[in-house]
Amino acid sequence: MIDWLMEPLGYTFLLRGFVAAIMIGVICAVVGTFVVLKGMAFIGDALAHIAFTGIVVAFLAGFSFYIGALIAAVLAALGIGAVSQRTGISTDTSIGIFFSGIFAAGIVLMSLGIQTYTIDLFSYLFGDILSVRRDDLISIMILGGIVLGIILIFYKELLFVSFDPVVAESAGLPARKLQMLLLILLSVTVVVSVQAVGVVLVVAMIVTPSATAYLLTDRFGVMMALGALFGAMSAVGGFYVSYYADVPSGGAIVLVATLLFAIVAIIGPKRRNFWKLATVSPEPSQHQHPA
């Protein structure tokens, strides 16, 4: 058993991937706790696809994909908020417009670009933890450390504005700026995760571990800690599944995360509430009366 666990860690590039997977699992889960609380899964998915266009531009221009993805994701996050405020259209509509338009631009640029880039770019769509280089690992450490550090510093403020932005603003907090900060943190998290789990599945890694933790506790701090634990477990389990089954790392990690969620949903303390919500009738309640 020990030999089975240690075998992949004997290779330097696999060890880098292993460490990167754990760090990404923890970072995604910590940020994902706010995402689950505020119902921001859709914008997380949109930012991941928008980041892909930044990656394509970075490849074609010859600079680091982190720079391209980060610029694209952060600008999109700021743009979504600005468009919603100035035009009055819903945030979901703004997200849909940015998501589809910018991702479509990435697909077109990829098809027009040099063909030798195609395989490399597809690895960012579905994730390849084994492609993590030393520089990538350092970037994940730095960016991830910044994200976790900011959350630690502004923990109470971010928690307050996540629960009730209106009350937070009336209490003197800069609610809009804090919400924008949360979007930027989500953008950075998406960027550092893309290489491991891919654009297509990154939102699952952000949401699923935290949602699993939510089934076990109502305390936000405990939920965040449990989410980080589930994120790390998903990363480790997915790493070994990817290595021994020879399947993409992104799919393997997300499958393990989903399996953990299913187990907790079935046997956890909130299982009754979960299944009640899952099977609730769409018909109006008998206690509701027309006006």
C-alpha atoms as a PDB file:
ATOM      1  CA  MET A   1       0.000   0.000   0.000  1.00  0.00           C
ATOM      2  CA  ILE A   2       2.801   2.406   0.927  1.00  0.00           C
ATOM      3  CA  ASP A   3       4.639   1.576  -2.297  1.00  0.00           C
ATOM      4  CA  TRP A   4       1.424   2.207  -4.241  1.00  0.00           C
ATOM      5  CA  LEU A   5       1.065   5.645  -2.656  1.00  0.00           C
ATOM      6  CA  MET A   6       4.732   6.610  -2.960  1.00  0.00           C
ATOM      7  CA  GLU A   7       5.357   5.419  -6.525  1.00  0.00           C
ATOM      8  CA  PRO A   8       4.123   8.543  -8.369  1.00  0.00           C
ATOM      9  CA  LEU A   9       5.815  10.846  -5.846  1.00  0.00           C
ATOM     10  CA  GLY A  10       9.204   9.472  -6.826  1.00  0.00           C
ATOM     11  CA  TYR A  11       9.122  11.573  -9.994  1.00  0.00           C
ATOM     12  CA  THR A  12       9.834  15.279  -9.636  1.00  0.00           C
ATOM     13  CA  PHE A  13       7.224  16.417 -12.159  1.00  0.00           C
ATOM     14  CA  LEU A  14       4.563  14.245 -10.511  1.00  0.00           C
ATOM     15  CA  LEU A  15       5.473  15.561  -7.066  1.00  0.00           C
ATOM     16  CA  ARG A  16       5.055  19.109  -8.392  1.00  0.00           C
ATOM     17  CA  GLY A  17       1.635  18.170  -9.721  1.00  0.00           C
ATOM     18  CA  PHE A  18       0.699  16.574  -6.396  1.00  0.00           C
ATOM     19  CA  VAL A  19       1.622  19.690  -4.402  1.00  0.00           C
ATOM     20  CA  ALA A  20      -0.097  21.968  -6.923  1.00  0.00           C
ATOM     21  CA  ALA A  21      -3.287  19.893  -6.791  1.00  0.00           C
ATOM     22  CA  ILE A  22      -3.490  20.141  -2.995  1.00  0.00           C
ATOM     23  CA  MET A  23      -2.880  23.893  -2.999  1.00  0.00           C
ATOM     24  CA  ILE A  24      -5.492  24.441  -5.696  1.00  0.00           C
ATOM     25  CA  GLY A  25      -7.984  22.244  -3.857  1.00  0.00           C
ATOM     26  CA  VAL A  26      -7.600  24.337  -0.703  1.00  0.00           C
ATOM     27  CA  ILE A  27      -7.668  27.726  -2.461  1.00  0.00           C
ATOM     28  CA  CYS A  28     -10.738  26.821  -4.524  1.00  0.00           C
ATOM     29  CA  ALA A  29     -12.629  25.616  -1.465  1.00  0.00           C
ATOM     30  CA  VAL A  30     -11.862  28.706   0.626  1.00  0.00           C
ATOM     31  CA  VAL A  31     -13.041  31.081  -2.108  1.00  0.00           C
ATOM     32  CA  GLY A  32     -15.818  28.646  -2.988  1.00  0.00           C
ATOM     33  CA  THR A  33     -17.348  29.098   0.460  1.00  0.00           C
ATOM     34  CA  PHE A  34     -18.229  32.679  -0.472  1.00  0.00           C
ATOM     35  CA  VAL A  35     -19.337  31.553  -3.940  1.00  0.00           C
ATOM     36  CA  VAL A  36     -21.777  29.021  -2.464  1.00  0.00           C
ATOM     37  CA  LEU A  37     -23.045  31.535   0.095  1.00  0.00           C
ATOM     38  CA  LYS A  38     -23.725  34.213  -2.547  1.00  0.00           C
ATOM     39  CA  GLY A  39     -24.831  31.875  -5.350  1.00  0.00           C
ATOM     40  CA  MET A  40     -21.997  32.996  -7.663  1.00  0.00           C
ATOM     41  CA  ALA A  41     -21.397  29.672  -9.438  1.00  0.00           C
ATOM     42  CA  PHE A  42     -22.515  31.039 -12.817  1.00  0.00           C
ATOM     43  CA  ILE A  43     -20.095  33.958 -12.754  1.00  0.00           C
ATOM     44  CA  GLY A  44     -17.313  31.573 -11.682  1.00  0.00           C
ATOM     45  CA  ASP A  45     -17.997  29.431 -14.739  1.00  0.00           C
ATOM     46  CA  ALA A  46     -18.108  32.516 -16.951  1.00  0.00           C
ATOM     47  CA  LEU A  47     -14.780  33.834 -15.633  1.00  0.00           C
ATOM     48  CA  ALA A  48     -13.165  30.456 -16.292  1.00  0.00           C
ATOM     49  CA  HIS A  49     -14.239  30.504 -19.938  1.00  0.00           C
ATOM     50  CA  ILE A  50     -13.256  34.151 -20.296  1.00  0.00           C
ATOM     51  CA  ALA A  51      -9.826  33.335 -18.846  1.00  0.00           C
ATOM     52  CA  PHE A  52      -9.392  30.821 -21.669  1.00  0.00           C
ATOM     53  CA  THR A  53      -9.485  33.661 -24.199  1.00  0.00           C
ATOM     54  CA  GLY A  54      -6.725  35.359 -22.218  1.00  0.00           C
ATOM     55  CA  ILE A  55      -4.726  32.130 -22.357  1.00  0.00           C
ATOM     56  CA  VAL A  56      -5.138  31.963 -26.146  1.00  0.00           C
ATOM     57  CA  VAL A  57      -3.969  35.567 -26.536  1.00  0.00           C
ATOM     58  CA  ALA A  58      -0.993  34.870 -24.257  1.00  0.00           C
ATOM     59  CA  PHE A  59       0.041  31.836 -26.317  1.00  0.00           C
ATOM     60  CA  LEU A  60      -0.225  33.718 -29.599  1.00  0.00           C
ATOM     61  CA  ALA A  61       1.618  36.760 -28.208  1.00  0.00           C
ATOM     62  CA  GLY A  62       4.305  34.676 -26.521  1.00  0.00           C
ATOM     63  CA  PHE A  63       3.935  35.645 -22.853  1.00  0.00           C
ATOM     64  CA  SER A  64       2.867  33.815 -19.682  1.00  0.00           C
ATOM     65  CA  PHE A  65      -0.637  32.369 -19.755  1.00  0.00           C
ATOM     66  CA  TYR A  66      -1.099  33.547 -16.147  1.00  0.00           C
ATOM     67  CA  ILE A  67      -0.816  37.167 -17.272  1.00  0.00           C
ATOM     68  CA  GLY A  68      -3.246  36.745 -20.159  1.00  0.00           C
ATOM     69  CA  ALA A  69      -5.790  34.771 -18.143  1.00  0.00           C
ATOM     70  CA  LEU A  70      -5.586  37.093 -15.146  1.00  0.00           C
ATOM     71  CA  ILE A  71      -6.033  40.256 -17.213  1.00  0.00           C
ATOM     72  CA  ALA A  72      -8.988  38.770 -19.111  1.00  0.00           C
ATOM     73  CA  ALA A  73     -10.729  37.452 -15.994  1.00  0.00           C
ATOM     74  CA  VAL A  74     -10.239  40.575 -13.863  1.00  0.00           C
ATOM     75  CA  LEU A  75     -11.302  42.958 -16.650  1.00  0.00           C
ATOM     76  CA  ALA A  76     -14.369  40.810 -17.302  1.00  0.00           C
ATOM     77  CA  ALA A  77     -15.269  40.799 -13.600  1.00  0.00           C
ATOM     78  CA  LEU A  78     -14.998  44.590 -13.467  1.00  0.00           C
ATOM     79  CA  GLY A  79     -16.837  44.946 -16.769  1.00  0.00           C
ATOM     80  CA  ILE A  80     -19.753  42.763 -15.704  1.00  0.00           C
ATOM     81  CA  GLY A  81     -20.320  44.902 -12.629  1.00  0.00           C
ATOM     82  CA  ALA A  82     -19.985  48.170 -14.561  1.00  0.00           C
ATOM     83  CA  VAL A  83     -22.378  47.127 -17.345  1.00  0.00           C
ATOM     84  CA  SER A  84     -24.996  45.953 -14.851  1.00  0.00           C
ATOM     85  CA  GLN A  85     -24.850  49.213 -12.900  1.00  0.00           C
ATOM     86  CA  ARG A  86     -24.878  51.562 -15.908  1.00  0.00           C
ATOM     87  CA  THR A  87     -27.404  49.823 -18.163  1.00  0.00           C
ATOM     88  CA  GLY A  88     -29.754  48.434 -15.543  1.00  0.00           C
ATOM     89  CA  ILE A  89     -29.780  44.948 -17.075  1.00  0.00           C
ATOM     90  CA  SER A  90     -29.514  42.017 -14.688  1.00  0.00           C
ATOM     91  CA  THR A  91     -26.147  40.669 -13.596  1.00  0.00           C
ATOM     92  CA  ASP A  92     -26.964  37.270 -15.101  1.00  0.00           C
ATOM     93  CA  THR A  93     -27.639  38.905 -18.470  1.00  0.00           C
ATOM     94  CA  SER A  94     -24.340  40.792 -18.311  1.00  0.00           C
ATOM     95  CA  ILE A  95     -22.527  37.584 -17.415  1.00  0.00           C
ATOM     96  CA  GLY A  96     -24.146  35.771 -20.340  1.00  0.00           C
ATOM     97  CA  ILE A  97     -23.110  38.487 -22.791  1.00  0.00           C
ATOM     98  CA  PHE A  98     -19.500  38.656 -21.591  1.00  0.00           C
ATOM     99  CA  PHE A  99     -19.246  34.866 -21.215  1.00  0.00           C
ATOM    100  CA  SER A 100     -20.451  33.958 -24.708  1.00  0.00           C
ATOM    101  CA  GLY A 101     -18.852  36.849 -26.564  1.00  0.00           C
ATOM    102  CA  ILE A 102     -15.353  36.673 -25.080  1.00  0.00           C
ATOM    103  CA  PHE A 103     -15.201  32.863 -25.087  1.00  0.00           C
ATOM    104  CA  ALA A 104     -16.300  32.872 -28.738  1.00  0.00           C
ATOM    105  CA  ALA A 105     -13.454  35.276 -29.481  1.00  0.00           C
ATOM    106  CA  GLY A 106     -11.055  32.811 -27.858  1.00  0.00           C
ATOM    107  CA  ILE A 107     -12.312  29.947 -30.016  1.00  0.00           C
ATOM    108  CA  VAL A 108     -11.936  32.045 -33.177  1.00  0.00           C
ATOM    109  CA  LEU A 109      -8.433  33.170 -32.210  1.00  0.00           C
ATOM    110  CA  MET A 110      -7.443  29.577 -31.472  1.00  0.00           C
ATOM    111  CA  SER A 111      -8.662  28.431 -34.887  1.00  0.00           C
ATOM    112  CA  LEU A 112      -6.832  31.278 -36.627  1.00  0.00           C
ATOM    113  CA  GLY A 113      -3.631  30.857 -34.633  1.00  0.00           C
ATOM    114  CA  ILE A 114      -0.664  28.623 -35.239  1.00  0.00           C
ATOM    115  CA  GLN A 115      -1.831  25.008 -35.345  1.00  0.00           C
ATOM    116  CA  THR A 116       0.982  23.736 -33.133  1.00  0.00           C
ATOM    117  CA  TYR A 117      -0.628  25.543 -30.198  1.00  0.00           C
ATOM    118  CA  THR A 118      -3.863  23.558 -30.451  1.00  0.00           C
ATOM    119  CA  ILE A 119      -2.801  20.599 -28.278  1.00  0.00           C
ATOM    120  CA  ASP A 120      -1.351  22.865 -25.581  1.00  0.00           C
ATOM    121  CA  LEU A 121      -4.502  24.982 -25.505  1.00  0.00           C
ATOM    122  CA  PHE A 122      -6.774  21.947 -25.254  1.00  0.00           C
ATOM    123  CA  SER A 123      -4.908  20.921 -22.102  1.00  0.00           C
ATOM    124  CA  TYR A 124      -6.206  24.128 -20.507  1.00  0.00           C
ATOM    125  CA  LEU A 125      -9.762  23.233 -21.464  1.00  0.00           C
ATOM    126  CA  PHE A 126      -9.710  19.911 -19.613  1.00  0.00           C
ATOM    127  CA  GLY A 127      -6.753  20.250 -17.245  1.00  0.00           C
ATOM    128  CA  ASP A 128      -3.392  18.518 -17.008  1.00  0.00           C
ATOM    129  CA  ILE A 129      -1.834  18.588 -13.552  1.00  0.00           C
ATOM    130  CA  LEU A 130       1.241  16.774 -14.870  1.00  0.00           C
ATOM    131  CA  SER A 131       2.133  19.780 -17.031  1.00  0.00           C
ATOM    132  CA  VAL A 132       2.826  21.948 -13.961  1.00  0.00           C
ATOM    133  CA  ARG A 133       6.393  23.245 -14.111  1.00  0.00           C
ATOM    134  CA  ARG A 134       8.497  24.720 -11.328  1.00  0.00           C
ATOM    135  CA  ASP A 135       7.617  28.270 -12.392  1.00  0.00           C
ATOM    136  CA  ASP A 136       3.929  27.332 -12.469  1.00  0.00           C
ATOM    137  CA  LEU A 137       4.132  25.941  -8.938  1.00  0.00           C
ATOM    138  CA  ILE A 138       5.752  29.151  -7.704  1.00  0.00           C
ATOM    139  CA  SER A 139       3.035  31.213  -9.418  1.00  0.00           C
ATOM    140  CA  ILE A 140       0.320  29.105  -7.781  1.00  0.00           C
ATOM    141  CA  MET A 141       1.984  29.562  -4.386  1.00  0.00           C
ATOM    142  CA  ILE A 142       2.295  33.337  -4.787  1.00  0.00           C
ATOM    143  CA  LEU A 143      -1.162  34.011  -6.243  1.00  0.00           C
ATOM    144  CA  GLY A 144      -2.832  31.516  -3.927  1.00  0.00           C
ATOM    145  CA  GLY A 145      -1.046  33.009  -0.933  1.00  0.00           C
ATOM    146  CA  ILE A 146      -2.236  36.486  -1.914  1.00  0.00           C
ATOM    147  CA  VAL A 147      -5.839  35.270  -2.213  1.00  0.00           C
ATOM    148  CA  LEU A 148      -5.777  33.503   1.158  1.00  0.00           C
ATOM    149  CA  GLY A 149      -4.005  36.444   2.799  1.00  0.00           C
ATOM    150  CA  ILE A 150      -6.595  38.966   1.585  1.00  0.00           C
ATOM    151  CA  ILE A 151      -9.435  36.717   2.739  1.00  0.00           C
ATOM    152  CA  LEU A 152      -7.798  36.430   6.152  1.00  0.00           C
ATOM    153  CA  ILE A 153      -7.379  40.211   6.442  1.00  0.00           C
ATOM    154  CA  PHE A 154     -10.889  41.102   5.239  1.00  0.00           C
ATOM    155  CA  TYR A 155     -12.638  37.982   6.522  1.00  0.00           C
ATOM    156  CA  LYS A 156     -15.285  39.741   8.650  1.00  0.00           C
ATOM    157  CA  GLU A 157     -16.011  42.398   6.024  1.00  0.00           C
ATOM    158  CA  LEU A 158     -16.336  39.868   3.187  1.00  0.00           C
ATOM    159  CA  LEU A 159     -18.529  37.654   5.352  1.00  0.00           C
ATOM    160  CA  PHE A 160     -20.801  40.573   6.269  1.00  0.00           C
ATOM    161  CA  VAL A 161     -21.228  41.768   2.691  1.00  0.00           C
ATOM    162  CA  SER A 162     -21.798  38.197   1.487  1.00  0.00           C
ATOM    163  CA  PHE A 163     -24.663  37.661   3.917  1.00  0.00           C
ATOM    164  CA  ASP A 164     -26.376  41.027   3.400  1.00  0.00           C
ATOM    165  CA  PRO A 165     -24.739  43.734   1.250  1.00  0.00           C
ATOM    166  CA  VAL A 166     -27.522  46.248   1.974  1.00  0.00           C
ATOM    167  CA  VAL A 167     -27.105  46.020   5.745  1.00  0.00           C
ATOM    168  CA  ALA A 168     -23.311  46.000   5.331  1.00  0.00           C
ATOM    169  CA  GLU A 169     -23.453  49.249   3.365  1.00  0.00           C
ATOM    170  CA  SER A 170     -25.787  50.857   5.896  1.00  0.00           C
ATOM    171  CA  ALA A 171     -23.283  49.869   8.595  1.00  0.00           C
ATOM    172  CA  GLY A 172     -20.622  51.936   6.844  1.00  0.00           C
ATOM    173  CA  LEU A 173     -18.818  49.229   4.888  1.00  0.00           C
ATOM    174  CA  PRO A 174     -17.908  49.857   1.214  1.00  0.00           C
ATOM    175  CA  ALA A 175     -20.165  47.026   0.039  1.00  0.00           C
ATOM    176  CA  ARG A 176     -19.647  47.537  -3.701  1.00  0.00           C
ATOM    177  CA  LYS A 177     -15.871  47.639  -3.367  1.00  0.00           C
ATOM    178  CA  LEU A 178     -15.902  44.508  -1.203  1.00  0.00           C
ATOM    179  CA  GLN A 179     -18.107  42.706  -3.716  1.00  0.00           C
ATOM    180  CA  MET A 180     -15.714  43.725  -6.479  1.00  0.00           C
ATOM    181  CA  LEU A 181     -12.799  42.497  -4.365  1.00  0.00           C
ATOM    182  CA  LEU A 182     -14.548  39.149  -4.023  1.00  0.00           C
ATOM    183  CA  LEU A 183     -14.961  38.964  -7.808  1.00  0.00           C
ATOM    184  CA  ILE A 184     -11.261  39.711  -8.284  1.00  0.00           C
ATOM    185  CA  LEU A 185     -10.324  37.004  -5.758  1.00  0.00           C
ATOM    186  CA  LEU A 186     -12.581  34.597  -7.639  1.00  0.00           C
ATOM    187  CA  SER A 187     -10.871  35.583 -10.907  1.00  0.00           C
ATOM    188  CA  VAL A 188      -7.417  34.893  -9.480  1.00  0.00           C
ATOM    189  CA  THR A 189      -8.608  31.558  -8.081  1.00  0.00           C
ATOM    190  CA  VAL A 190      -9.953  30.564 -11.480  1.00  0.00           C
ATOM    191  CA  VAL A 191      -6.653  31.440 -13.144  1.00  0.00           C
ATOM    192  CA  VAL A 192      -4.483  29.421 -10.741  1.00  0.00           C
ATOM    193  CA  SER A 193      -6.838  26.433 -11.071  1.00  0.00           C
ATOM    194  CA  VAL A 194      -7.193  26.264 -14.840  1.00  0.00           C
ATOM    195  CA  GLN A 195      -3.989  24.327 -15.453  1.00  0.00           C
ATOM    196  CA  ALA A 196      -4.978  21.570 -13.006  1.00  0.00           C
ATOM    197  CA  VAL A 197      -8.697  21.051 -13.625  1.00  0.00           C
ATOM    198  CA  GLY A 198      -9.300  22.930 -16.864  1.00  0.00           C
ATOM    199  CA  VAL A 199     -11.657  25.696 -17.941  1.00  0.00           C
ATOM    200  CA  VAL A 200     -14.598  23.328 -18.342  1.00  0.00           C
ATOM    201  CA  LEU A 201     -14.454  21.919 -14.798  1.00  0.00           C
ATOM    202  CA  VAL A 202     -12.905  24.650 -12.660  1.00  0.00           C
ATOM    203  CA  VAL A 203     -16.254  25.882 -11.336  1.00  0.00           C
ATOM    204  CA  ALA A 204     -17.002  22.385 -10.015  1.00  0.00           C
ATOM    205  CA  MET A 205     -13.786  22.450  -7.989  1.00  0.00           C
ATOM    206  CA  ILE A 206     -14.717  25.847  -6.580  1.00  0.00           C
ATOM    207  CA  VAL A 207     -18.287  24.917  -5.660  1.00  0.00           C
ATOM    208  CA  THR A 208     -18.395  21.188  -4.851  1.00  0.00           C
ATOM    209  CA  PRO A 209     -16.059  20.935  -1.805  1.00  0.00           C
ATOM    210  CA  SER A 210     -17.744  23.939  -0.174  1.00  0.00           C
ATOM    211  CA  ALA A 211     -21.208  22.583  -0.952  1.00  0.00           C
ATOM    212  CA  THR A 212     -20.145  19.288   0.629  1.00  0.00           C
ATOM    213  CA  ALA A 213     -19.030  21.144   3.753  1.00  0.00           C
ATOM    214  CA  TYR A 214     -22.338  23.019   3.828  1.00  0.00           C
ATOM    215  CA  LEU A 215     -24.134  19.695   4.269  1.00  0.00           C
ATOM    216  CA  LEU A 216     -22.207  19.156   7.510  1.00  0.00           C
ATOM    217  CA  THR A 217     -22.344  22.531   9.270  1.00  0.00           C
ATOM    218  CA  ASP A 218     -24.125  25.881   9.478  1.00  0.00           C
ATOM    219  CA  ARG A 219     -21.082  27.733  10.833  1.00  0.00           C
ATOM    220  CA  PHE A 220     -19.281  29.666   8.101  1.00  0.00           C
ATOM    221  CA  GLY A 221     -15.767  29.293   9.526  1.00  0.00           C
ATOM    222  CA  VAL A 222     -16.197  25.557  10.022  1.00  0.00           C
ATOM    223  CA  MET A 223     -17.679  25.289   6.541  1.00  0.00           C
ATOM    224  CA  MET A 224     -14.603  26.984   5.090  1.00  0.00           C
ATOM    225  CA  ALA A 225     -12.223  24.674   6.974  1.00  0.00           C
ATOM    226  CA  LEU A 226     -14.153  21.539   6.008  1.00  0.00           C
ATOM    227  CA  GLY A 227     -14.360  22.764   2.421  1.00  0.00           C
ATOM    228  CA  ALA A 228     -10.573  23.139   2.332  1.00  0.00           C
ATOM    229  CA  LEU A 229     -10.245  19.603   3.702  1.00  0.00           C
ATOM    230  CA  PHE A 230     -12.632  18.202   1.084  1.00  0.00           C
ATOM    231  CA  GLY A 231     -10.818  20.177  -1.611  1.00  0.00           C
ATOM    232  CA  ALA A 232      -7.474  18.692  -0.582  1.00  0.00           C
ATOM    233  CA  MET A 233      -8.971  15.185  -0.387  1.00  0.00           C
ATOM    234  CA  SER A 234     -10.471  15.590  -3.863  1.00  0.00           C
ATOM    235  CA  ALA A 235      -7.134  16.776  -5.239  1.00  0.00           C
ATOM    236  CA  VAL A 236      -5.192  13.886  -3.709  1.00  0.00           C
ATOM    237  CA  GLY A 237      -7.756  11.278  -4.723  1.00  0.00           C
ATOM    238  CA  GLY A 238      -8.038  12.690  -8.236  1.00  0.00           C
ATOM    239  CA  PHE A 239      -4.258  12.785  -8.575  1.00  0.00           C
ATOM    240  CA  TYR A 240      -3.942   9.054  -7.901  1.00  0.00           C
ATOM    241  CA  VAL A 241      -6.939   8.201 -10.091  1.00  0.00           C
ATOM    242  CA  SER A 242      -5.422  10.244 -12.909  1.00  0.00           C
ATOM    243  CA  TYR A 243      -2.033   8.546 -12.522  1.00  0.00           C
ATOM    244  CA  TYR A 244      -3.147   4.920 -12.243  1.00  0.00           C
ATOM    245  CA  ALA A 245      -6.166   5.063 -14.570  1.00  0.00           C
ATOM    246  CA  ASP A 246      -4.369   7.284 -17.108  1.00  0.00           C
ATOM    247  CA  VAL A 247      -7.252   9.762 -17.353  1.00  0.00           C
ATOM    248  CA  PRO A 248      -7.264  13.601 -17.422  1.00  0.00           C
ATOM    249  CA  SER A 249      -6.498  15.092 -14.019  1.00  0.00           C
ATOM    250  CA  GLY A 250      -9.303  17.645 -14.153  1.00  0.00           C
ATOM    251  CA  GLY A 251     -12.001  15.049 -14.685  1.00  0.00           C
ATOM    252  CA  ALA A 252     -10.528  12.731 -12.045  1.00  0.00           C
ATOM    253  CA  ILE A 253     -10.317  15.448  -9.374  1.00  0.00           C
ATOM    254  CA  VAL A 254     -13.865  16.663  -9.993  1.00  0.00           C
ATOM    255  CA  LEU A 255     -15.219  13.103 -10.004  1.00  0.00           C
ATOM    256  CA  VAL A 256     -13.696  12.469  -6.574  1.00  0.00           C
ATOM    257  CA  ALA A 257     -15.138  15.770  -5.318  1.00  0.00           C
ATOM    258  CA  THR A 258     -18.568  14.816  -6.652  1.00  0.00           C
ATOM    259  CA  LEU A 259     -18.327  11.374  -5.060  1.00  0.00           C
ATOM    260  CA  LEU A 260     -17.537  12.950  -1.677  1.00  0.00           C
ATOM    261  CA  PHE A 261     -20.536  15.246  -2.074  1.00  0.00           C
ATOM    262  CA  ALA A 262     -22.811  12.314  -2.905  1.00  0.00           C
ATOM    263  CA  ILE A 263     -21.618  10.335   0.123  1.00  0.00           C
ATOM    264  CA  VAL A 264     -22.156  13.260   2.506  1.00  0.00           C
ATOM    265  CA  ALA A 265     -25.535  14.062   0.934  1.00  0.00           C
ATOM    266  CA  ILE A 266     -26.685  10.493   1.593  1.00  0.00           C
ATOM    267  CA  ILE A 267     -25.308   9.914   5.090  1.00  0.00           C
ATOM    268  CA  GLY A 268     -24.622  13.421   6.443  1.00  0.00           C
ATOM    269  CA  PRO A 269     -26.626  15.190   9.175  1.00  0.00           C
ATOM    270  CA  LYS A 270     -28.426  17.400   6.645  1.00  0.00           C
ATOM    271  CA  ARG A 271     -29.426  14.535   4.374  1.00  0.00           C
ATOM    272  CA  ARG A 272     -33.126  14.953   5.111  1.00  0.00           C
ATOM    273  CA  ASN A 273     -33.106  18.614   4.144  1.00  0.00           C
ATOM    274  CA  PHE A 274     -31.092  17.807   1.022  1.00  0.00           C
ATOM    275  CA  TRP A 275     -33.457  15.110  -0.209  1.00  0.00           C
ATOM    276  CA  LYS A 276     -36.473  17.211   0.731  1.00  0.00           C
ATOM    277  CA  LEU A 277     -35.170  19.996  -1.488  1.00  0.00           C
ATOM    278  CA  ALA A 278     -34.309  17.535  -4.240  1.00  0.00           C
ATOM    279  CA  THR A 279     -37.815  16.051  -4.313  1.00  0.00           C
ATOM    280  CA  VAL A 280     -39.920  19.125  -3.516  1.00  0.00           C
ATOM    281  CA  SER A 281     -43.086  19.413  -5.575  1.00  0.00           C
ATOM    282  CA  PRO A 282     -43.305  22.367  -7.977  1.00  0.00           C
ATOM    283  CA  GLU A 283     -47.020  22.719  -7.184  1.00  0.00           C
ATOM    284  CA  PRO A 284     -48.054  25.581  -4.884  1.00  0.00           C
ATOM    285  CA  SER A 285     -48.573  24.818  -1.218  1.00  0.00           C
ATOM    286  CA  GLN A 286     -52.082  24.181   0.021  1.00  0.00           C
ATOM    287  CA  HIS A 287     -51.537  26.966   2.563  1.00  0.00           C
ATOM    288  CA  GLN A 288     -51.069  29.519  -0.209  1.00  0.00           C
ATOM    289  CA  HIS A 289     -54.207  31.363  -1.270  1.00  0.00           C
ATOM    290  CA  PRO A 290     -54.725  33.619  -4.252  1.00  0.00           C
ATOM    291  CA  ALA A 291     -54.995  37.296  -3.541  1.00  0.00           C
END
